[in-house]
Amino acid sequence: MLTNIKLSGLTCPACQKLTQNRIGKIFGVTEVKVNLESGSAEIIADRIINNEEVAAALQGTPYQVES
């Protein structure tokens, strides 16, 4: 399943990498591509990934899921 999620707070390549790593740890996620310029994450998983799961994975960071 492919999920696209809009993110805020991404300002540099380190932000991009940290965000990819955090989202990649969500159960079922097989691939993550975070686009710094568009502020979005493309998530490929073997199940549906919702905004709440991504928000929980990013908890404690300055990055947030936009509704």
PDB file of N, CA and C in Angstrom:
ATOM      1  N   MET A   1       0.836  -1.172   0.000  1.00  0.00           N
ATOM      2  CA  MET A   1       0.000   0.000   0.000  1.00  0.00           C
ATOM      3  C   MET A   1       0.888   1.245   0.000  1.00  0.00           C
ATOM      4  N   LEU A   2       0.478   2.224  -0.743  1.00  0.00           N
ATOM      5  CA  LEU A   2       1.200   3.484  -0.823  1.00  0.00           C
ATOM      6  C   LEU A   2       0.412   4.550  -0.084  1.00  0.00           C
ATOM      7  N   THR A   3       1.076   5.272   0.789  1.00  0.00           N
ATOM      8  CA  THR A   3       0.470   6.358   1.541  1.00  0.00           C
ATOM      9  C   THR A   3       1.331   7.598   1.386  1.00  0.00           C
ATOM     10  N   ASN A   4       0.710   8.736   1.109  1.00  0.00           N
ATOM     11  CA  ASN A   4       1.416  10.016   1.059  1.00  0.00           C
ATOM     12  C   ASN A   4       0.939  10.871   2.216  1.00  0.00           C
ATOM     13  N   ILE A   5       1.880  11.414   2.966  1.00  0.00           N
ATOM     14  CA  ILE A   5       1.549  12.229   4.131  1.00  0.00           C
ATOM     15  C   ILE A   5       2.308  13.535   4.051  1.00  0.00           C
ATOM     16  N   LYS A   6       1.613  14.620   4.297  1.00  0.00           N
ATOM     17  CA  LYS A   6       2.205  15.955   4.306  1.00  0.00           C
ATOM     18  C   LYS A   6       2.797  16.215   5.691  1.00  0.00           C
ATOM     19  N   LEU A   7       4.028  16.749   5.707  1.00  0.00           N
ATOM     20  CA  LEU A   7       4.744  17.010   6.956  1.00  0.00           C
ATOM     21  C   LEU A   7       5.111  18.488   7.061  1.00  0.00           C
ATOM     22  N   SER A   8       5.313  18.951   8.275  1.00  0.00           N
ATOM     23  CA  SER A   8       5.806  20.313   8.489  1.00  0.00           C
ATOM     24  C   SER A   8       7.019  20.266   9.400  1.00  0.00           C
ATOM     25  N   GLY A   9       7.844  21.301   9.321  1.00  0.00           N
ATOM     26  CA  GLY A   9       9.013  21.411  10.183  1.00  0.00           C
ATOM     27  C   GLY A   9      10.305  20.921   9.562  1.00  0.00           C
ATOM     28  N   LEU A  10      10.251  20.389   8.347  1.00  0.00           N
ATOM     29  CA  LEU A  10      11.464  19.889   7.681  1.00  0.00           C
ATOM     30  C   LEU A  10      12.240  21.062   7.097  1.00  0.00           C
ATOM     31  N   THR A  11      13.500  21.220   7.533  1.00  0.00           N
ATOM     32  CA  THR A  11      14.288  22.362   7.063  1.00  0.00           C
ATOM     33  C   THR A  11      15.658  21.996   6.496  1.00  0.00           C
ATOM     34  N   CYS A  12      16.087  20.732   6.676  1.00  0.00           N
ATOM     35  CA  CYS A  12      17.438  20.371   6.231  1.00  0.00           C
ATOM     36  C   CYS A  12      17.527  18.873   5.947  1.00  0.00           C
ATOM     37  N   PRO A  13      18.611  18.437   5.314  1.00  0.00           N
ATOM     38  CA  PRO A  13      18.776  17.002   5.036  1.00  0.00           C
ATOM     39  C   PRO A  13      18.794  16.128   6.301  1.00  0.00           C
ATOM     40  N   ALA A  14      19.290  16.652   7.398  1.00  0.00           N
ATOM     41  CA  ALA A  14      19.288  15.883   8.645  1.00  0.00           C
ATOM     42  C   ALA A  14      17.847  15.648   9.121  1.00  0.00           C
ATOM     43  N   CYS A  15      16.989  16.644   8.934  1.00  0.00           N
ATOM     44  CA  CYS A  15      15.564  16.502   9.267  1.00  0.00           C
ATOM     45  C   CYS A  15      14.948  15.393   8.427  1.00  0.00           C
ATOM     46  N   GLN A  16      15.286  15.414   7.163  1.00  0.00           N
ATOM     47  CA  GLN A  16      14.775  14.431   6.221  1.00  0.00           C
ATOM     48  C   GLN A  16      15.177  13.015   6.640  1.00  0.00           C
ATOM     49  N   LYS A  17      16.427  12.839   6.987  1.00  0.00           N
ATOM     50  CA  LYS A  17      16.939  11.516   7.367  1.00  0.00           C
ATOM     51  C   LYS A  17      16.304  11.024   8.674  1.00  0.00           C
ATOM     52  N   LEU A  18      16.221  11.894   9.668  1.00  0.00           N
ATOM     53  CA  LEU A  18      15.623  11.511  10.948  1.00  0.00           C
ATOM     54  C   LEU A  18      14.166  11.119  10.760  1.00  0.00           C
ATOM     55  N   THR A  19      13.453  11.894   9.967  1.00  0.00           N
ATOM     56  CA  THR A  19      12.040  11.610   9.709  1.00  0.00           C
ATOM     57  C   THR A  19      11.881  10.270   9.003  1.00  0.00           C
ATOM     58  N   GLN A  20      12.700  10.009   7.990  1.00  0.00           N
ATOM     59  CA  GLN A  20      12.660   8.730   7.285  1.00  0.00           C
ATOM     60  C   GLN A  20      12.927   7.577   8.241  1.00  0.00           C
ATOM     61  N   ASN A  21      13.915   7.727   9.105  1.00  0.00           N
ATOM     62  CA  ASN A  21      14.252   6.665  10.062  1.00  0.00           C
ATOM     63  C   ASN A  21      13.112   6.388  11.029  1.00  0.00           C
ATOM     64  N   ARG A  22      12.497   7.447  11.540  1.00  0.00           N
ATOM     65  CA  ARG A  22      11.396   7.285  12.498  1.00  0.00           C
ATOM     66  C   ARG A  22      10.198   6.602  11.847  1.00  0.00           C
ATOM     67  N   ILE A  23       9.820   7.079  10.666  1.00  0.00           N
ATOM     68  CA  ILE A  23       8.665   6.499   9.977  1.00  0.00           C
ATOM     69  C   ILE A  23       8.969   5.057   9.568  1.00  0.00           C
ATOM     70  N   GLY A  24      10.200   4.791   9.193  1.00  0.00           N
ATOM     71  CA  GLY A  24      10.599   3.449   8.776  1.00  0.00           C
ATOM     72  C   GLY A  24      10.481   2.400   9.865  1.00  0.00           C
ATOM     73  N   LYS A  25      10.389   2.821  11.117  1.00  0.00           N
ATOM     74  CA  LYS A  25      10.269   1.890  12.237  1.00  0.00           C
ATOM     75  C   LYS A  25       8.823   1.493  12.534  1.00  0.00           C
ATOM     76  N   ILE A  26       7.870   2.118  11.845  1.00  0.00           N
ATOM     77  CA  ILE A  26       6.465   1.763  12.041  1.00  0.00           C
ATOM     78  C   ILE A  26       6.245   0.339  11.515  1.00  0.00           C
ATOM     79  N   PHE A  27       5.524  -0.445  12.269  1.00  0.00           N
ATOM     80  CA  PHE A  27       5.258  -1.834  11.884  1.00  0.00           C
ATOM     81  C   PHE A  27       4.616  -1.892  10.498  1.00  0.00           C
ATOM     82  N   GLY A  28       5.194  -2.705   9.626  1.00  0.00           N
ATOM     83  CA  GLY A  28       4.646  -2.907   8.298  1.00  0.00           C
ATOM     84  C   GLY A  28       5.247  -2.038   7.216  1.00  0.00           C
ATOM     85  N   VAL A  29       5.981  -0.988   7.602  1.00  0.00           N
ATOM     86  CA  VAL A  29       6.585  -0.095   6.607  1.00  0.00           C
ATOM     87  C   VAL A  29       7.787  -0.787   5.974  1.00  0.00           C
ATOM     88  N   THR A  30       7.823  -0.771   4.642  1.00  0.00           N
ATOM     89  CA  THR A  30       8.927  -1.401   3.925  1.00  0.00           C
ATOM     90  C   THR A  30       9.843  -0.377   3.256  1.00  0.00           C
ATOM     91  N   GLU A  31       9.303   0.815   2.983  1.00  0.00           N
ATOM     92  CA  GLU A  31      10.115   1.861   2.343  1.00  0.00           C
ATOM     93  C   GLU A  31       9.523   3.231   2.644  1.00  0.00           C
ATOM     94  N   VAL A  32      10.411   4.213   2.838  1.00  0.00           N
ATOM     95  CA  VAL A  32       9.983   5.590   3.091  1.00  0.00           C
ATOM     96  C   VAL A  32      10.846   6.522   2.260  1.00  0.00           C
ATOM     97  N   LYS A  33      10.200   7.463   1.607  1.00  0.00           N
ATOM     98  CA  LYS A  33      10.920   8.520   0.889  1.00  0.00           C
ATOM     99  C   LYS A  33      10.354   9.847   1.368  1.00  0.00           C
ATOM    100  N   VAL A  34      11.190  10.635   2.036  1.00  0.00           N
ATOM    101  CA  VAL A  34      10.769  11.957   2.498  1.00  0.00           C
ATOM    102  C   VAL A  34      11.336  12.988   1.535  1.00  0.00           C
ATOM    103  N   ASN A  35      10.466  13.843   1.030  1.00  0.00           N
ATOM    104  CA  ASN A  35      10.864  14.888   0.104  1.00  0.00           C
ATOM    105  C   ASN A  35      10.943  16.198   0.877  1.00  0.00           C
ATOM    106  N   LEU A  36      12.151  16.697   1.022  1.00  0.00           N
ATOM    107  CA  LEU A  36      12.387  17.916   1.793  1.00  0.00           C
ATOM    108  C   LEU A  36      11.701  19.122   1.165  1.00  0.00           C
ATOM    109  N   GLU A  37      11.783  19.237  -0.152  1.00  0.00           N
ATOM    110  CA  GLU A  37      11.227  20.408  -0.847  1.00  0.00           C
ATOM    111  C   GLU A  37       9.704  20.488  -0.732  1.00  0.00           C
ATOM    112  N   SER A  38       9.035  19.350  -0.891  1.00  0.00           N
ATOM    113  CA  SER A  38       7.570  19.364  -0.844  1.00  0.00           C
ATOM    114  C   SER A  38       7.032  19.140   0.563  1.00  0.00           C
ATOM    115  N   GLY A  39       7.899  18.736   1.485  1.00  0.00           N
ATOM    116  CA  GLY A  39       7.463  18.473   2.850  1.00  0.00           C
ATOM    117  C   GLY A  39       6.489  17.306   2.928  1.00  0.00           C
ATOM    118  N   SER A  40       6.811  16.234   2.219  1.00  0.00           N
ATOM    119  CA  SER A  40       5.908  15.091   2.217  1.00  0.00           C
ATOM    120  C   SER A  40       6.683  13.791   2.377  1.00  0.00           C
ATOM    121  N   ALA A  41       5.954  12.772   2.805  1.00  0.00           N
ATOM    122  CA  ALA A  41       6.528  11.438   2.942  1.00  0.00           C
ATOM    123  C   ALA A  41       5.717  10.466   2.105  1.00  0.00           C
ATOM    124  N   GLU A  42       6.412   9.683   1.317  1.00  0.00           N
ATOM    125  CA  GLU A  42       5.790   8.605   0.553  1.00  0.00           C
ATOM    126  C   GLU A  42       6.146   7.324   1.282  1.00  0.00           C
ATOM    127  N   ILE A  43       5.138   6.630   1.763  1.00  0.00           N
ATOM    128  CA  ILE A  43       5.342   5.449   2.599  1.00  0.00           C
ATOM    129  C   ILE A  43       4.781   4.224   1.878  1.00  0.00           C
ATOM    130  N   ILE A  44       5.618   3.218   1.749  1.00  0.00           N
ATOM    131  CA  ILE A  44       5.175   1.948   1.184  1.00  0.00           C
ATOM    132  C   ILE A  44       5.161   0.937   2.327  1.00  0.00           C
ATOM    133  N   ALA A  45       4.016   0.278   2.487  1.00  0.00           N
ATOM    134  CA  ALA A  45       3.862  -0.672   3.593  1.00  0.00           C
ATOM    135  C   ALA A  45       2.976  -1.822   3.162  1.00  0.00           C
ATOM    136  N   ASP A  46       2.994  -2.872   3.962  1.00  0.00           N
ATOM    137  CA  ASP A  46       2.148  -4.020   3.661  1.00  0.00           C
ATOM    138  C   ASP A  46       0.759  -3.882   4.289  1.00  0.00           C
ATOM    139  N   ARG A  47       0.485  -2.705   4.815  1.00  0.00           N
ATOM    140  CA  ARG A  47      -0.836  -2.391   5.381  1.00  0.00           C
ATOM    141  C   ARG A  47      -1.054  -0.888   5.290  1.00  0.00           C
ATOM    142  N   ILE A  48      -2.250  -0.428   5.599  1.00  0.00           N
ATOM    143  CA  ILE A  48      -2.542   1.002   5.574  1.00  0.00           C
ATOM    144  C   ILE A  48      -1.873   1.670   6.773  1.00  0.00           C
ATOM    145  N   ILE A  49      -1.143   2.746   6.504  1.00  0.00           N
ATOM    146  CA  ILE A  49      -0.504   3.538   7.559  1.00  0.00           C
ATOM    147  C   ILE A  49      -1.296   4.843   7.681  1.00  0.00           C
ATOM    148  N   ASN A  50      -1.731   5.168   8.887  1.00  0.00           N
ATOM    149  CA  ASN A  50      -2.537   6.378   9.043  1.00  0.00           C
ATOM    150  C   ASN A  50      -1.726   7.526   9.659  1.00  0.00           C
ATOM    151  N   ASN A  51      -2.306   8.708   9.592  1.00  0.00           N
ATOM    152  CA  ASN A  51      -1.640   9.917  10.093  1.00  0.00           C
ATOM    153  C   ASN A  51      -1.266   9.807  11.567  1.00  0.00           C
ATOM    154  N   GLU A  52      -2.113   9.167  12.358  1.00  0.00           N
ATOM    155  CA  GLU A  52      -1.866   9.064  13.790  1.00  0.00           C
ATOM    156  C   GLU A  52      -0.615   8.235  14.078  1.00  0.00           C
ATOM    157  N   GLU A  53      -0.400   7.188  13.312  1.00  0.00           N
ATOM    158  CA  GLU A  53       0.794   6.364  13.497  1.00  0.00           C
ATOM    159  C   GLU A  53       2.058   7.144  13.164  1.00  0.00           C
ATOM    160  N   VAL A  54       2.000   7.923  12.094  1.00  0.00           N
ATOM    161  CA  VAL A  54       3.156   8.731  11.707  1.00  0.00           C
ATOM    162  C   VAL A  54       3.398   9.810  12.753  1.00  0.00           C
ATOM    163  N   ALA A  55       2.338  10.450  13.224  1.00  0.00           N
ATOM    164  CA  ALA A  55       2.477  11.481  14.258  1.00  0.00           C
ATOM    165  C   ALA A  55       3.106  10.896  15.521  1.00  0.00           C
ATOM    166  N   ALA A  56       2.702   9.682  15.891  1.00  0.00           N
ATOM    167  CA  ALA A  56       3.272   9.033  17.080  1.00  0.00           C
ATOM    168  C   ALA A  56       4.752   8.732  16.866  1.00  0.00           C
ATOM    169  N   ALA A  57       5.116   8.314  15.654  1.00  0.00           N
ATOM    170  CA  ALA A  57       6.520   8.015  15.355  1.00  0.00           C
ATOM    171  C   ALA A  57       7.380   9.270  15.414  1.00  0.00           C
ATOM    172  N   LEU A  58       6.784  10.412  15.124  1.00  0.00           N
ATOM    173  CA  LEU A  58       7.528  11.677  15.113  1.00  0.00           C
ATOM    174  C   LEU A  58       7.431  12.431  16.436  1.00  0.00           C
ATOM    175  N   GLN A  59       6.753  11.847  17.400  1.00  0.00           N
ATOM    176  CA  GLN A  59       6.607  12.493  18.711  1.00  0.00           C
ATOM    177  C   GLN A  59       7.975  12.755  19.318  1.00  0.00           C
ATOM    178  N   GLY A  60       8.145  13.942  19.891  1.00  0.00           N
ATOM    179  CA  GLY A  60       9.420  14.321  20.495  1.00  0.00           C
ATOM    180  C   GLY A  60      10.364  14.992  19.521  1.00  0.00           C
ATOM    181  N   THR A  61       9.944  15.132  18.277  1.00  0.00           N
ATOM    182  CA  THR A  61      10.725  15.842  17.262  1.00  0.00           C
ATOM    183  C   THR A  61       9.963  17.112  16.885  1.00  0.00           C
ATOM    184  N   PRO A  62      10.594  18.037  16.189  1.00  0.00           N
ATOM    185  CA  PRO A  62       9.886  19.244  15.758  1.00  0.00           C
ATOM    186  C   PRO A  62       9.048  19.030  14.492  1.00  0.00           C
ATOM    187  N   TYR A  63       8.948  17.797  14.009  1.00  0.00           N
ATOM    188  CA  TYR A  63       8.247  17.522  12.762  1.00  0.00           C
ATOM    189  C   TYR A  63       6.844  17.029  13.054  1.00  0.00           C
ATOM    190  N   GLN A  64       5.898  17.510  12.266  1.00  0.00           N
ATOM    191  CA  GLN A  64       4.499  17.164  12.517  1.00  0.00           C
ATOM    192  C   GLN A  64       3.799  16.772  11.236  1.00  0.00           C
ATOM    193  N   VAL A  65       2.759  15.984  11.412  1.00  0.00           N
ATOM    194  CA  VAL A  65       1.884  15.607  10.294  1.00  0.00           C
ATOM    195  C   VAL A  65       0.866  16.724  10.113  1.00  0.00           C
ATOM    196  N   GLU A  66       0.712  17.172   8.866  1.00  0.00           N
ATOM    197  CA  GLU A  66      -0.307  18.173   8.562  1.00  0.00           C
ATOM    198  C   GLU A  66      -1.591  17.450   8.185  1.00  0.00           C
ATOM    199  N   SER A  67      -2.697  17.941   8.690  1.00  0.00           N
ATOM    200  CA  SER A  67      -3.996  17.311   8.391  1.00  0.00           C
ATOM    201  C   SER A  67      -4.448  17.638   6.990  1.00  0.00           C
TER     202      SER A  67
END
